C-alpha atoms as a PDB file:
ATOM      1  CA  UNK A   1     -10.170 -18.514   4.803  1.00  0.00           C
ATOM      2  CA  UNK A   2      -7.252 -16.152   4.409  1.00  0.00           C
ATOM      3  CA  UNK A   3      -7.649 -13.396   1.840  1.00  0.00           C
ATOM      4  CA  UNK A   4      -5.039 -11.037   0.478  1.00  0.00           C
ATOM      5  CA  UNK A   5      -6.207  -7.622  -0.690  1.00  0.00           C
ATOM      6  CA  UNK A   6      -3.812  -5.907  -3.105  1.00  0.00           C
ATOM      7  CA  UNK A   7      -4.257  -2.191  -3.767  1.00  0.00           C
ATOM      8  CA  UNK A   8      -2.257  -0.923  -6.718  1.00  0.00           C
ATOM      9  CA  UNK A   9      -0.759   2.544  -7.010  1.00  0.00           C
ATOM     10  CA  UNK A  10      -1.323   5.677  -9.039  1.00  0.00           C
ATOM     11  CA  UNK A  11      -1.443   4.951 -12.769  1.00  0.00           C
ATOM     12  CA  UNK A  12      -1.547   1.216 -12.077  1.00  0.00           C
ATOM     13  CA  UNK A  13      -3.959  -1.670 -12.234  1.00  0.00           C
ATOM     14  CA  UNK A  14      -4.345  -5.041 -10.509  1.00  0.00           C
ATOM     15  CA  UNK A  15      -1.857  -6.532 -12.988  1.00  0.00           C
ATOM     16  CA  UNK A  16       0.346  -3.531 -13.843  1.00  0.00           C
ATOM     17  CA  UNK A  17       3.446  -4.631 -11.924  1.00  0.00           C
ATOM     18  CA  UNK A  18       5.201  -7.967 -12.573  1.00  0.00           C
ATOM     19  CA  UNK A  19       5.362  -8.745  -8.849  1.00  0.00           C
ATOM     20  CA  UNK A  20       1.544  -8.570  -8.607  1.00  0.00           C
ATOM     21  CA  UNK A  21       1.228 -11.639 -10.861  1.00  0.00           C
ATOM     22  CA  UNK A  22       3.814 -13.563  -8.842  1.00  0.00           C
ATOM     23  CA  UNK A  23       2.023 -12.666  -5.610  1.00  0.00           C
ATOM     24  CA  UNK A  24      -1.299 -13.794  -7.074  1.00  0.00           C
ATOM     25  CA  UNK A  25       0.222 -17.131  -8.123  1.00  0.00           C
ATOM     26  CA  UNK A  26       1.710 -17.606  -4.625  1.00  0.00           C
ATOM     27  CA  UNK A  27      -1.682 -16.946  -3.061  1.00  0.00           C
ATOM     28  CA  UNK A  28      -3.312 -19.536  -5.330  1.00  0.00           C
ATOM     29  CA  UNK A  29      -0.685 -22.116  -4.326  1.00  0.00           C
ATOM     30  CA  UNK A  30      -1.333 -21.443  -0.641  1.00  0.00           C
ATOM     31  CA  UNK A  31      -5.142 -21.323  -0.945  1.00  0.00           C
ATOM     32  CA  UNK A  32      -5.307 -17.624  -0.074  1.00  0.00           C
ATOM     33  CA  UNK A  33      -8.128 -15.757  -1.789  1.00  0.00           C
ATOM     34  CA  UNK A  34      -6.636 -12.947  -3.906  1.00  0.00           C
ATOM     35  CA  UNK A  35      -8.617  -9.705  -4.199  1.00  0.00           C
ATOM     36  CA  UNK A  36      -7.267  -6.861  -6.325  1.00  0.00           C
ATOM     37  CA  UNK A  37      -9.842  -4.195  -7.135  1.00  0.00           C
ATOM     38  CA  UNK A  38      -9.282  -1.806 -10.007  1.00  0.00           C
ATOM     39  CA  UNK A  39      -9.144   1.600  -8.393  1.00  0.00           C
ATOM     40  CA  UNK A  40     -11.155   4.331 -10.146  1.00  0.00           C
ATOM     41  CA  UNK A  41      -9.624   6.877 -12.506  1.00  0.00           C
ATOM     42  CA  UNK A  42      -6.143   5.599 -11.804  1.00  0.00           C
ATOM     43  CA  UNK A  43      -4.420   8.391 -13.756  1.00  0.00           C
ATOM     44  CA  UNK A  44      -6.209  11.015 -11.675  1.00  0.00           C
ATOM     45  CA  UNK A  45      -6.608   9.342  -8.279  1.00  0.00           C
ATOM     46  CA  UNK A  46      -9.098  10.976  -5.948  1.00  0.00           C
ATOM     47  CA  UNK A  47      -8.609   9.959  -2.335  1.00  0.00           C
ATOM     48  CA  UNK A  48     -12.277   9.663  -1.327  1.00  0.00           C
ATOM     49  CA  UNK A  49     -13.101   7.621  -4.426  1.00  0.00           C
ATOM     50  CA  UNK A  50     -10.202   5.233  -3.846  1.00  0.00           C
ATOM     51  CA  UNK A  51     -11.109   4.695  -0.187  1.00  0.00           C
ATOM     52  CA  UNK A  52     -14.784   4.183  -1.158  1.00  0.00           C
ATOM     53  CA  UNK A  53     -13.760   1.614  -3.791  1.00  0.00           C
ATOM     54  CA  UNK A  54     -11.733  -0.313  -1.222  1.00  0.00           C
ATOM     55  CA  UNK A  55     -14.662  -0.217   1.213  1.00  0.00           C
ATOM     56  CA  UNK A  56     -17.030  -1.422  -1.506  1.00  0.00           C
ATOM     57  CA  UNK A  57     -14.648  -4.275  -2.416  1.00  0.00           C
ATOM     58  CA  UNK A  58     -14.522  -5.728   1.117  1.00  0.00           C
ATOM     59  CA  UNK A  59     -17.245  -6.990   3.369  1.00  0.00           C
ATOM     60  CA  UNK A  60     -15.817  -9.229   6.067  1.00  0.00           C
ATOM     61  CA  UNK A  61     -12.565  -8.149   7.675  1.00  0.00           C
ATOM     62  CA  UNK A  62     -10.826 -10.213  10.302  1.00  0.00           C
ATOM     63  CA  UNK A  63      -7.397 -11.384  11.392  1.00  0.00           C
ATOM     64  CA  UNK A  64      -7.160 -13.491   8.213  1.00  0.00           C
ATOM     65  CA  UNK A  65      -7.437 -10.398   6.006  1.00  0.00           C
ATOM     66  CA  UNK A  66      -4.019  -9.436   4.652  1.00  0.00           C
ATOM     67  CA  UNK A  67      -3.419  -6.076   2.987  1.00  0.00           C
ATOM     68  CA  UNK A  68      -0.670  -5.350   0.466  1.00  0.00           C
ATOM     69  CA  UNK A  69      -0.408  -1.845  -0.908  1.00  0.00           C
ATOM     70  CA  UNK A  70       1.845  -0.255  -3.483  1.00  0.00           C
ATOM     71  CA  UNK A  71       2.622   3.468  -3.230  1.00  0.00           C
ATOM     72  CA  UNK A  72      -0.700   5.348  -3.301  1.00  0.00           C
ATOM     73  CA  UNK A  73      -2.366   2.018  -2.551  1.00  0.00           C
ATOM     74  CA  UNK A  74      -0.643   2.177   0.859  1.00  0.00           C
ATOM     75  CA  UNK A  75      -2.179   5.590   1.489  1.00  0.00           C
ATOM     76  CA  UNK A  76      -5.549   4.189   0.493  1.00  0.00           C
ATOM     77  CA  UNK A  77      -5.252   1.282   2.927  1.00  0.00           C
ATOM     78  CA  UNK A  78      -4.181   3.510   5.824  1.00  0.00           C
ATOM     79  CA  UNK A  79      -7.020   5.974   5.218  1.00  0.00           C
ATOM     80  CA  UNK A  80      -9.495   3.106   4.921  1.00  0.00           C
ATOM     81  CA  UNK A  81      -8.301   1.538   8.176  1.00  0.00           C
ATOM     82  CA  UNK A  82      -8.591   4.861  10.005  1.00  0.00           C
ATOM     83  CA  UNK A  83     -12.358   4.766   9.304  1.00  0.00           C
ATOM     84  CA  UNK A  84     -13.059   1.204  10.489  1.00  0.00           C
ATOM     85  CA  UNK A  85     -14.988   0.101  13.534  1.00  0.00           C
ATOM     86  CA  UNK A  86     -12.530   0.035  16.418  1.00  0.00           C
ATOM     87  CA  UNK A  87     -13.010  -3.668  17.147  1.00  0.00           C
ATOM     88  CA  UNK A  88     -11.756  -4.895  13.770  1.00  0.00           C
ATOM     89  CA  UNK A  89      -8.240  -6.351  13.807  1.00  0.00           C
ATOM     90  CA  UNK A  90      -6.734  -7.492  10.529  1.00  0.00           C
ATOM     91  CA  UNK A  91      -3.872  -9.791   9.633  1.00  0.00           C
ATOM     92  CA  UNK A  92      -0.437  -8.799   8.338  1.00  0.00           C
ATOM     93  CA  UNK A  93      -0.166  -5.575   6.342  1.00  0.00           C
ATOM     94  CA  UNK A  94       2.602  -4.991   3.828  1.00  0.00           C
ATOM     95  CA  UNK A  95       3.364  -1.583   2.383  1.00  0.00           C
ATOM     96  CA  UNK A  96       5.580  -1.408  -0.725  1.00  0.00           C
ATOM     97  CA  UNK A  97       6.987   2.072  -1.469  1.00  0.00           C
ATOM     98  CA  UNK A  98       4.748   3.673   1.181  1.00  0.00           C
ATOM     99  CA  UNK A  99       4.860   7.370   1.829  1.00  0.00           C
ATOM    100  CA  UNK A 100       3.612  10.222   3.856  1.00  0.00           C
ATOM    101  CA  UNK A 101       6.091  12.545   2.128  1.00  0.00           C
ATOM    102  CA  UNK A 102       7.120  12.459  -1.521  1.00  0.00           C
ATOM    103  CA  UNK A 103      10.129  13.833  -3.353  1.00  0.00           C
ATOM    104  CA  UNK A 104       8.751  17.213  -4.367  1.00  0.00           C
ATOM    105  CA  UNK A 105      11.253  17.719  -7.194  1.00  0.00           C
ATOM    106  CA  UNK A 106      10.296  14.430  -8.856  1.00  0.00           C
ATOM    107  CA  UNK A 107       6.596  15.257  -8.585  1.00  0.00           C
ATOM    108  CA  UNK A 108       7.126  18.742 -10.002  1.00  0.00           C
ATOM    109  CA  UNK A 109       8.975  17.220 -12.951  1.00  0.00           C
ATOM    110  CA  UNK A 110       5.843  15.214 -13.707  1.00  0.00           C
ATOM    111  CA  UNK A 111       3.949  18.486 -14.216  1.00  0.00           C
ATOM    112  CA  UNK A 112       1.338  20.699 -12.518  1.00  0.00           C
ATOM    113  CA  UNK A 113      -1.398  18.061 -12.741  1.00  0.00           C
ATOM    114  CA  UNK A 114       0.739  15.646 -10.684  1.00  0.00           C
ATOM    115  CA  UNK A 115       1.492  18.364  -8.156  1.00  0.00           C
ATOM    116  CA  UNK A 116      -2.253  18.969  -7.693  1.00  0.00           C
ATOM    117  CA  UNK A 117      -2.998  15.257  -7.314  1.00  0.00           C
ATOM    118  CA  UNK A 118      -0.319  14.826  -4.662  1.00  0.00           C
ATOM    119  CA  UNK A 119      -1.417  18.004  -2.860  1.00  0.00           C
ATOM    120  CA  UNK A 120      -4.946  16.633  -2.524  1.00  0.00           C
ATOM    121  CA  UNK A 121      -3.589  13.495  -0.797  1.00  0.00           C
ATOM    122  CA  UNK A 122      -1.008  15.078   1.492  1.00  0.00           C
ATOM    123  CA  UNK A 123      -3.120  18.050   2.568  1.00  0.00           C
ATOM    124  CA  UNK A 124      -5.757  15.868   4.251  1.00  0.00           C
ATOM    125  CA  UNK A 125      -4.373  14.581   7.560  1.00  0.00           C
ATOM    126  CA  UNK A 126      -4.436  10.867   8.334  1.00  0.00           C
ATOM    127  CA  UNK A 127      -5.556   9.617  11.733  1.00  0.00           C
ATOM    128  CA  UNK A 128      -2.633   7.230  12.194  1.00  0.00           C
ATOM    129  CA  UNK A 129      -3.721   6.277  15.718  1.00  0.00           C
ATOM    130  CA  UNK A 130      -7.074   5.026  14.439  1.00  0.00           C
ATOM    131  CA  UNK A 131      -5.435   3.148  11.552  1.00  0.00           C
ATOM    132  CA  UNK A 132      -2.892   1.543  13.877  1.00  0.00           C
ATOM    133  CA  UNK A 133      -5.643   0.107  16.129  1.00  0.00           C
ATOM    134  CA  UNK A 134      -6.483  -2.402  13.404  1.00  0.00           C
ATOM    135  CA  UNK A 135      -2.979  -3.656  12.691  1.00  0.00           C
ATOM    136  CA  UNK A 136      -1.174  -6.510  14.337  1.00  0.00           C
ATOM    137  CA  UNK A 137       2.025  -6.586  12.273  1.00  0.00           C
ATOM    138  CA  UNK A 138       3.334  -4.364   9.521  1.00  0.00           C
ATOM    139  CA  UNK A 139       6.112  -4.617   6.962  1.00  0.00           C
ATOM    140  CA  UNK A 140       7.261  -1.592   4.956  1.00  0.00           C
ATOM    141  CA  UNK A 141       9.501  -2.151   1.932  1.00  0.00           C
ATOM    142  CA  UNK A 142      11.539   0.656   0.397  1.00  0.00           C
ATOM    143  CA  UNK A 143      14.044   1.005  -2.430  1.00  0.00           C
ATOM    144  CA  UNK A 144      17.372   2.806  -2.183  1.00  0.00           C
ATOM    145  CA  UNK A 145      16.776   4.614  -5.474  1.00  0.00           C
ATOM    146  CA  UNK A 146      13.034   5.290  -5.489  1.00  0.00           C
ATOM    147  CA  UNK A 147      12.609   8.564  -7.391  1.00  0.00           C
ATOM    148  CA  UNK A 148       9.371   9.431  -5.575  1.00  0.00           C
ATOM    149  CA  UNK A 149       9.570   7.993  -2.062  1.00  0.00           C
ATOM    150  CA  UNK A 150      12.460   9.345   0.029  1.00  0.00           C
ATOM    151  CA  UNK A 151      14.029   6.911   2.486  1.00  0.00           C
ATOM    152  CA  UNK A 152      13.083   9.316   5.287  1.00  0.00           C
ATOM    153  CA  UNK A 153       9.662   7.607   5.131  1.00  0.00           C
ATOM    154  CA  UNK A 154      11.254   4.520   6.723  1.00  0.00           C
ATOM    155  CA  UNK A 155      11.539   6.235  10.092  1.00  0.00           C
ATOM    156  CA  UNK A 156       7.949   7.452   9.830  1.00  0.00           C
ATOM    157  CA  UNK A 157       6.558   3.954   9.215  1.00  0.00           C
ATOM    158  CA  UNK A 158       8.784   2.433  11.865  1.00  0.00           C
ATOM    159  CA  UNK A 159       7.686   5.013  14.435  1.00  0.00           C
ATOM    160  CA  UNK A 160       3.973   5.220  13.605  1.00  0.00           C
ATOM    161  CA  UNK A 161       3.242   1.556  12.887  1.00  0.00           C
ATOM    162  CA  UNK A 162       6.180  -0.171  14.588  1.00  0.00           C
ATOM    163  CA  UNK A 163       6.784  -1.627  11.127  1.00  0.00           C
ATOM    164  CA  UNK A 164       9.494  -4.066  10.208  1.00  0.00           C
ATOM    165  CA  UNK A 165      11.536  -2.290   7.546  1.00  0.00           C
ATOM    166  CA  UNK A 166      13.226  -3.773   4.490  1.00  0.00           C
ATOM    167  CA  UNK A 167      15.313  -1.679   2.140  1.00  0.00           C
ATOM    168  CA  UNK A 168      15.932  -3.216  -1.281  1.00  0.00           C
ATOM    169  CA  UNK A 169      18.746  -2.029  -3.531  1.00  0.00           C
ATOM    170  CA  UNK A 170      17.986  -0.388  -6.860  1.00  0.00           C
ATOM    171  CA  UNK A 171      14.329  -1.416  -7.241  1.00  0.00           C
ATOM    172  CA  UNK A 172      13.280   2.182  -8.031  1.00  0.00           C
ATOM    173  CA  UNK A 173       9.495   2.431  -7.399  1.00  0.00           C
ATOM    174  CA  UNK A 174       8.977  -1.362  -7.710  1.00  0.00           C
ATOM    175  CA  UNK A 175       7.255  -0.921 -11.094  1.00  0.00           C
ATOM    176  CA  UNK A 176       9.576  -3.379 -12.863  1.00  0.00           C
ATOM    177  CA  UNK A 177      10.299  -5.656  -9.911  1.00  0.00           C
ATOM    178  CA  UNK A 178       9.597  -9.270 -10.814  1.00  0.00           C
ATOM    179  CA  UNK A 179       9.100 -10.646  -7.302  1.00  0.00           C
ATOM    180  CA  UNK A 180       9.159  -9.482  -3.684  1.00  0.00           C
ATOM    181  CA  UNK A 181       9.658 -12.760  -1.839  1.00  0.00           C
ATOM    182  CA  UNK A 182       9.681 -10.997   1.526  1.00  0.00           C
ATOM    183  CA  UNK A 183       5.921 -10.435   1.267  1.00  0.00           C
ATOM    184  CA  UNK A 184       5.000 -14.134   1.546  1.00  0.00           C
ATOM    185  CA  UNK A 185       7.776 -14.730   4.053  1.00  0.00           C
ATOM    186  CA  UNK A 186       6.316 -12.024   6.287  1.00  0.00           C
ATOM    187  CA  UNK A 187       2.774 -13.379   5.928  1.00  0.00           C
ATOM    188  CA  UNK A 188       3.892 -16.877   6.863  1.00  0.00           C
ATOM    189  CA  UNK A 189       5.977 -15.991   9.933  1.00  0.00           C
END
């Protein structure tokens, strides 16, 4: 049975964004099991704890396991995949507002606590080669006016993961987006 694993972002929850609910409803219609763990201490996300929570939430991974991440959830998925047994290949992976680099000015405006949180995530290198071994197709979705995720990340995700790229106009950080229809379209193709 197909299962979709949704990992929310920093400050979020499994139902914090309107598009999460739409995605859940679409999964129910298509008989796809929907898994959306609540990540620990979401206002002060600690990388190791988030990756451990994802690991704890999943037991059987296979080519019918679909990942969807939002922002820091994308980082969590990539770091989790980089630690998997080399033989495991998963289904489609969709990253919404993914990043390896953030807009430093926007983070600084959030305050010193935010700067420290981000520093803890970006200072630990990711083994992209190991993560990529587990992927068969990747979609990365960006917004033209995301205050945190610069569009320069598009080239990074295209190069590292050979990702299909979609750029949406004026969706900011996808926190108020009602639906991202491209997610189900990508899963079904």
